[in-house]
Amino acid sequence: MHDVFLKFADHAEALAALQAAGAIIPPDEDGRIACLDTGLPDGMTAIKAVGAGCDGVVLAGTVEWRVDMEASEQPALAPVPGFHVNLRLAEDALLPASLSAFIIVPPPVTPAETFS
């Protein structure tokens, strides 16, 4: 299996693109794309919107630093623009062409989230 990291302008674009690629995506109770592993086209094994509560938000360090509760310095975090989705494909599967425009290039060296 291999993972593909996708970034869309917003949730609506992600939902439309994934459905156009053949994924049947019932929104969760908050209307968001949930983690799913059924209703997917051949070759796709899982889809997950990243972030707390599948909100699609990835946080990245900024140039600012903050002191945490244990008095150690940590980089301040800010949201990375876009709605982020991780997609797991079977080893021999190709990404649907309709999703190729949304691939994060280069892929993240240390992704915010991965499939377990």
N, C-alpha and C. Protein backbone atom coordinates (compact mmCIF):
# COMPACT_ATOMS: atom_id res chain seq x y z
N MET A 1 0.85 -1.18 0.00
CA MET A 1 0.00 0.00 0.00
C MET A 1 0.88 1.23 0.00
N HIS A 2 0.33 2.30 -0.53
CA HIS A 2 1.04 3.57 -0.47
C HIS A 2 0.04 4.70 -0.26
N ASP A 3 0.54 5.73 0.42
CA ASP A 3 -0.31 6.86 0.77
C ASP A 3 -0.05 8.03 -0.15
N VAL A 4 -1.12 8.78 -0.42
CA VAL A 4 -1.04 9.98 -1.23
C VAL A 4 -1.63 11.11 -0.38
N PHE A 5 -0.95 12.24 -0.37
CA PHE A 5 -1.39 13.38 0.42
C PHE A 5 -1.96 14.44 -0.53
N LEU A 6 -3.22 14.79 -0.29
CA LEU A 6 -3.94 15.70 -1.18
C LEU A 6 -4.29 16.99 -0.45
N LYS A 7 -4.33 18.10 -1.21
CA LYS A 7 -4.74 19.38 -0.65
C LYS A 7 -5.73 20.03 -1.61
N PHE A 8 -6.87 20.42 -1.05
CA PHE A 8 -7.94 21.07 -1.81
C PHE A 8 -8.13 22.48 -1.27
N ALA A 9 -8.83 23.31 -2.02
CA ALA A 9 -9.09 24.68 -1.56
C ALA A 9 -9.94 24.68 -0.29
N ASP A 10 -10.93 23.78 -0.25
CA ASP A 10 -11.82 23.72 0.91
C ASP A 10 -12.53 22.37 0.93
N HIS A 11 -13.37 22.17 1.93
CA HIS A 11 -14.08 20.91 2.10
C HIS A 11 -14.96 20.59 0.89
N ALA A 12 -15.66 21.59 0.37
CA ALA A 12 -16.56 21.35 -0.75
C ALA A 12 -15.80 20.85 -1.97
N GLU A 13 -14.64 21.42 -2.25
CA GLU A 13 -13.85 20.96 -3.39
C GLU A 13 -13.36 19.53 -3.16
N ALA A 14 -12.93 19.23 -1.93
CA ALA A 14 -12.47 17.87 -1.61
C ALA A 14 -13.59 16.86 -1.82
N LEU A 15 -14.74 17.15 -1.29
CA LEU A 15 -15.89 16.25 -1.41
C LEU A 15 -16.25 16.03 -2.87
N ALA A 16 -16.33 17.09 -3.64
CA ALA A 16 -16.69 16.98 -5.06
C ALA A 16 -15.64 16.17 -5.83
N ALA A 17 -14.37 16.43 -5.58
CA ALA A 17 -13.31 15.72 -6.32
C ALA A 17 -13.27 14.24 -5.96
N LEU A 18 -13.42 13.92 -4.69
CA LEU A 18 -13.38 12.52 -4.27
C LEU A 18 -14.60 11.76 -4.80
N GLN A 19 -15.75 12.41 -4.80
CA GLN A 19 -16.94 11.77 -5.36
C GLN A 19 -16.81 11.60 -6.87
N ALA A 20 -16.23 12.58 -7.55
CA ALA A 20 -16.02 12.47 -9.00
C ALA A 20 -15.06 11.33 -9.33
N ALA A 21 -14.15 11.01 -8.38
CA ALA A 21 -13.21 9.90 -8.58
C ALA A 21 -13.85 8.56 -8.26
N GLY A 22 -15.11 8.57 -7.82
CA GLY A 22 -15.84 7.33 -7.59
C GLY A 22 -16.05 6.94 -6.14
N ALA A 23 -15.59 7.76 -5.20
CA ALA A 23 -15.77 7.44 -3.79
C ALA A 23 -17.19 7.81 -3.34
N ILE A 24 -17.82 6.90 -2.61
CA ILE A 24 -19.12 7.18 -2.02
C ILE A 24 -18.84 7.66 -0.60
N ILE A 25 -19.03 8.96 -0.37
CA ILE A 25 -18.63 9.55 0.89
C ILE A 25 -19.84 10.11 1.63
N PRO A 26 -20.34 9.35 2.59
CA PRO A 26 -21.40 9.92 3.42
C PRO A 26 -20.75 10.84 4.45
N PRO A 27 -21.21 12.08 4.57
CA PRO A 27 -20.61 12.96 5.57
C PRO A 27 -20.90 12.47 6.97
N ASP A 28 -20.01 12.81 7.90
CA ASP A 28 -20.25 12.43 9.29
C ASP A 28 -21.35 13.32 9.86
N GLU A 29 -21.64 13.19 11.14
CA GLU A 29 -22.74 13.95 11.76
C GLU A 29 -22.52 15.45 11.73
N ASP A 30 -21.26 15.90 11.53
CA ASP A 30 -20.98 17.33 11.43
C ASP A 30 -20.91 17.79 9.97
N GLY A 31 -21.23 16.89 9.03
CA GLY A 31 -21.21 17.24 7.62
C GLY A 31 -19.83 17.19 6.99
N ARG A 32 -18.86 16.59 7.68
CA ARG A 32 -17.49 16.52 7.16
C ARG A 32 -17.18 15.14 6.60
N ILE A 33 -16.09 15.09 5.84
CA ILE A 33 -15.59 13.82 5.34
C ILE A 33 -14.97 13.08 6.51
N ALA A 34 -15.47 11.92 6.80
CA ALA A 34 -14.92 11.12 7.90
C ALA A 34 -13.90 10.14 7.34
N CYS A 35 -13.23 9.45 8.23
CA CYS A 35 -12.31 8.38 7.81
C CYS A 35 -13.16 7.22 7.33
N LEU A 36 -12.89 6.73 6.12
CA LEU A 36 -13.67 5.61 5.64
C LEU A 36 -12.84 4.63 4.84
N ASP A 37 -13.30 3.39 4.87
CA ASP A 37 -12.62 2.34 4.12
C ASP A 37 -13.62 1.46 3.36
N THR A 38 -14.83 1.95 3.17
CA THR A 38 -15.84 1.25 2.37
C THR A 38 -16.43 2.25 1.37
N GLY A 39 -17.05 1.74 0.34
CA GLY A 39 -17.65 2.62 -0.67
C GLY A 39 -16.62 3.31 -1.54
N LEU A 40 -15.44 2.70 -1.64
CA LEU A 40 -14.36 3.30 -2.41
C LEU A 40 -14.14 2.54 -3.71
N PRO A 41 -13.68 3.23 -4.74
CA PRO A 41 -13.41 2.54 -5.99
C PRO A 41 -12.25 1.56 -5.84
N ASP A 42 -12.16 0.60 -6.76
CA ASP A 42 -11.07 -0.38 -6.73
C ASP A 42 -9.74 0.34 -6.64
N GLY A 43 -8.89 -0.17 -5.78
CA GLY A 43 -7.55 0.39 -5.60
C GLY A 43 -7.44 1.35 -4.44
N MET A 44 -8.52 2.02 -4.07
CA MET A 44 -8.51 2.91 -2.91
C MET A 44 -8.87 2.06 -1.69
N THR A 45 -8.06 2.15 -0.64
CA THR A 45 -8.36 1.37 0.55
C THR A 45 -8.83 2.22 1.73
N ALA A 46 -8.49 3.51 1.75
CA ALA A 46 -8.95 4.38 2.84
C ALA A 46 -8.82 5.84 2.45
N ILE A 47 -9.72 6.64 2.99
CA ILE A 47 -9.69 8.11 2.85
C ILE A 47 -9.87 8.69 4.24
N LYS A 48 -9.09 9.73 4.55
CA LYS A 48 -9.26 10.41 5.83
C LYS A 48 -8.93 11.88 5.68
N ALA A 49 -9.88 12.72 6.07
CA ALA A 49 -9.59 14.14 6.18
C ALA A 49 -8.75 14.31 7.45
N VAL A 50 -7.63 14.99 7.35
CA VAL A 50 -6.74 15.11 8.50
C VAL A 50 -7.24 16.15 9.48
N GLY A 51 -6.63 16.18 10.63
CA GLY A 51 -6.94 17.19 11.63
C GLY A 51 -7.92 16.73 12.68
N ALA A 52 -8.00 17.53 13.71
CA ALA A 52 -8.92 17.25 14.81
C ALA A 52 -10.35 17.21 14.28
N GLY A 53 -11.02 16.11 14.52
CA GLY A 53 -12.39 15.99 14.07
C GLY A 53 -12.54 15.97 12.56
N CYS A 54 -11.50 15.53 11.85
CA CYS A 54 -11.55 15.47 10.38
C CYS A 54 -11.87 16.83 9.77
N ASP A 55 -11.29 17.89 10.30
CA ASP A 55 -11.57 19.23 9.80
C ASP A 55 -10.69 19.64 8.63
N GLY A 56 -9.73 18.77 8.23
CA GLY A 56 -8.88 19.06 7.09
C GLY A 56 -7.75 20.03 7.36
N VAL A 57 -7.60 20.42 8.63
CA VAL A 57 -6.60 21.43 8.98
C VAL A 57 -5.29 20.77 9.41
N VAL A 58 -4.22 21.22 8.76
CA VAL A 58 -2.87 20.82 9.13
C VAL A 58 -2.21 22.04 9.78
N LEU A 59 -1.56 21.81 10.91
CA LEU A 59 -0.85 22.89 11.58
C LEU A 59 0.65 22.75 11.32
N ALA A 60 1.31 23.88 11.11
CA ALA A 60 2.75 23.87 10.88
C ALA A 60 3.40 24.94 11.74
N GLY A 61 4.66 24.71 12.07
CA GLY A 61 5.40 25.67 12.88
C GLY A 61 5.62 26.98 12.13
N THR A 62 5.66 28.04 12.89
CA THR A 62 5.92 29.37 12.33
C THR A 62 7.29 29.83 12.80
N VAL A 63 7.65 31.05 12.49
CA VAL A 63 8.94 31.59 12.94
C VAL A 63 8.87 32.05 14.40
N GLU A 64 7.68 32.10 14.96
CA GLU A 64 7.52 32.52 16.35
C GLU A 64 7.66 31.32 17.28
N TRP A 65 8.04 31.60 18.52
CA TRP A 65 8.18 30.56 19.55
C TRP A 65 7.29 30.88 20.72
N ARG A 66 6.80 29.86 21.39
CA ARG A 66 5.95 29.98 22.58
C ARG A 66 6.56 29.15 23.69
N VAL A 67 6.28 29.53 24.92
CA VAL A 67 6.72 28.75 26.08
C VAL A 67 5.53 27.95 26.55
N ASP A 68 5.69 26.61 26.64
CA ASP A 68 4.57 25.76 27.04
C ASP A 68 4.46 25.67 28.55
N MET A 69 3.55 24.84 29.04
CA MET A 69 3.27 24.72 30.48
C MET A 69 4.47 24.22 31.27
N GLU A 70 5.39 23.49 30.62
CA GLU A 70 6.59 23.00 31.31
C GLU A 70 7.76 23.93 31.11
N ALA A 71 7.51 25.14 30.64
CA ALA A 71 8.53 26.18 30.44
C ALA A 71 9.54 25.82 29.35
N SER A 72 9.15 24.98 28.41
CA SER A 72 10.05 24.71 27.29
C SER A 72 9.52 25.44 26.06
N GLU A 73 10.44 25.86 25.21
CA GLU A 73 10.05 26.60 24.02
C GLU A 73 9.57 25.65 22.92
N GLN A 74 8.49 26.02 22.29
CA GLN A 74 7.90 25.26 21.19
C GLN A 74 7.59 26.24 20.07
N PRO A 75 7.70 25.80 18.81
CA PRO A 75 7.30 26.72 17.74
C PRO A 75 5.80 26.99 17.79
N ALA A 76 5.44 28.22 17.53
CA ALA A 76 4.02 28.55 17.43
C ALA A 76 3.48 27.87 16.18
N LEU A 77 2.24 27.41 16.26
CA LEU A 77 1.63 26.70 15.13
C LEU A 77 0.58 27.57 14.46
N ALA A 78 0.46 27.42 13.15
CA ALA A 78 -0.56 28.13 12.38
C ALA A 78 -1.12 27.16 11.33
N PRO A 79 -2.38 27.33 10.96
CA PRO A 79 -2.96 26.45 9.94
C PRO A 79 -2.30 26.65 8.57
N VAL A 80 -2.08 25.55 7.89
CA VAL A 80 -1.60 25.58 6.51
C VAL A 80 -2.84 25.76 5.64
N PRO A 81 -2.83 26.69 4.69
CA PRO A 81 -4.02 26.90 3.86
C PRO A 81 -4.46 25.62 3.15
N GLY A 82 -5.77 25.46 3.00
CA GLY A 82 -6.32 24.34 2.26
C GLY A 82 -6.98 23.31 3.15
N PHE A 83 -7.63 22.35 2.50
CA PHE A 83 -8.30 21.23 3.17
C PHE A 83 -7.52 19.99 2.79
N HIS A 84 -6.94 19.31 3.79
CA HIS A 84 -6.01 18.21 3.56
C HIS A 84 -6.65 16.85 3.77
N VAL A 85 -6.37 15.94 2.83
CA VAL A 85 -6.94 14.60 2.86
C VAL A 85 -5.83 13.60 2.57
N ASN A 86 -5.78 12.54 3.36
CA ASN A 86 -4.86 11.43 3.09
C ASN A 86 -5.64 10.32 2.40
N LEU A 87 -5.02 9.72 1.40
CA LEU A 87 -5.65 8.67 0.63
C LEU A 87 -4.69 7.48 0.60
N ARG A 88 -5.17 6.31 0.94
CA ARG A 88 -4.35 5.09 0.88
C ARG A 88 -4.79 4.29 -0.33
N LEU A 89 -3.79 3.90 -1.13
CA LEU A 89 -4.02 3.10 -2.32
C LEU A 89 -3.38 1.73 -2.16
N ALA A 90 -3.97 0.74 -2.80
CA ALA A 90 -3.36 -0.58 -2.86
C ALA A 90 -2.02 -0.44 -3.58
N GLU A 91 -1.11 -1.36 -3.30
CA GLU A 91 0.25 -1.25 -3.82
C GLU A 91 0.31 -1.04 -5.33
N ASP A 92 -0.49 -1.75 -6.09
CA ASP A 92 -0.42 -1.65 -7.55
C ASP A 92 -1.43 -0.67 -8.14
N ALA A 93 -2.15 0.05 -7.30
CA ALA A 93 -3.20 0.96 -7.77
C ALA A 93 -2.62 2.32 -8.15
N LEU A 94 -3.24 2.92 -9.15
CA LEU A 94 -2.87 4.26 -9.57
C LEU A 94 -3.90 5.25 -9.05
N LEU A 95 -3.46 6.45 -8.77
CA LEU A 95 -4.36 7.51 -8.35
C LEU A 95 -5.25 7.89 -9.53
N PRO A 96 -6.56 8.03 -9.30
CA PRO A 96 -7.42 8.49 -10.40
C PRO A 96 -6.89 9.82 -10.96
N ALA A 97 -6.87 9.93 -12.26
CA ALA A 97 -6.34 11.13 -12.93
C ALA A 97 -7.03 12.40 -12.44
N SER A 98 -8.31 12.30 -12.09
CA SER A 98 -9.04 13.49 -11.65
C SER A 98 -8.52 14.05 -10.33
N LEU A 99 -7.74 13.26 -9.59
CA LEU A 99 -7.20 13.73 -8.31
C LEU A 99 -5.74 14.19 -8.42
N SER A 100 -5.13 13.99 -9.57
CA SER A 100 -3.69 14.29 -9.69
C SER A 100 -3.37 15.77 -9.48
N ALA A 101 -4.28 16.65 -9.78
CA ALA A 101 -4.04 18.08 -9.60
C ALA A 101 -3.98 18.48 -8.12
N PHE A 102 -4.41 17.59 -7.23
CA PHE A 102 -4.48 17.91 -5.81
C PHE A 102 -3.35 17.29 -4.98
N ILE A 103 -2.44 16.58 -5.63
CA ILE A 103 -1.33 15.93 -4.92
C ILE A 103 -0.40 17.01 -4.35
N ILE A 104 0.00 16.83 -3.12
CA ILE A 104 0.99 17.73 -2.51
C ILE A 104 2.36 17.31 -3.02
N VAL A 105 3.03 18.25 -3.70
CA VAL A 105 4.35 17.99 -4.28
C VAL A 105 5.32 19.03 -3.74
N PRO A 106 6.41 18.59 -3.17
CA PRO A 106 6.75 17.21 -2.84
C PRO A 106 5.90 16.74 -1.67
N PRO A 107 5.79 15.43 -1.50
CA PRO A 107 5.01 14.93 -0.37
C PRO A 107 5.68 15.33 0.94
N PRO A 108 4.90 15.47 2.00
CA PRO A 108 5.49 15.88 3.27
C PRO A 108 6.49 14.83 3.78
N VAL A 109 7.63 15.31 4.28
CA VAL A 109 8.64 14.42 4.84
C VAL A 109 8.12 13.81 6.15
N THR A 110 7.46 14.65 6.93
CA THR A 110 6.84 14.19 8.18
C THR A 110 5.37 14.60 8.14
N PRO A 111 4.52 13.75 7.58
CA PRO A 111 3.10 14.11 7.46
C PRO A 111 2.47 14.40 8.83
N ALA A 112 1.50 15.31 8.83
CA ALA A 112 0.78 15.65 10.07
C ALA A 112 0.07 14.44 10.62
N GLU A 113 -0.43 13.57 9.74
CA GLU A 113 -1.12 12.35 10.13
C GLU A 113 -0.82 11.27 9.10
N THR A 114 -0.83 10.04 9.57
CA THR A 114 -0.67 8.89 8.69
C THR A 114 -1.70 7.84 9.09
N PHE A 115 -1.90 6.88 8.23
CA PHE A 115 -2.77 5.76 8.56
C PHE A 115 -1.98 4.83 9.48
N SER A 116 -2.67 4.25 10.46
CA SER A 116 -1.95 3.34 11.37
C SER A 116 -1.96 1.94 10.84
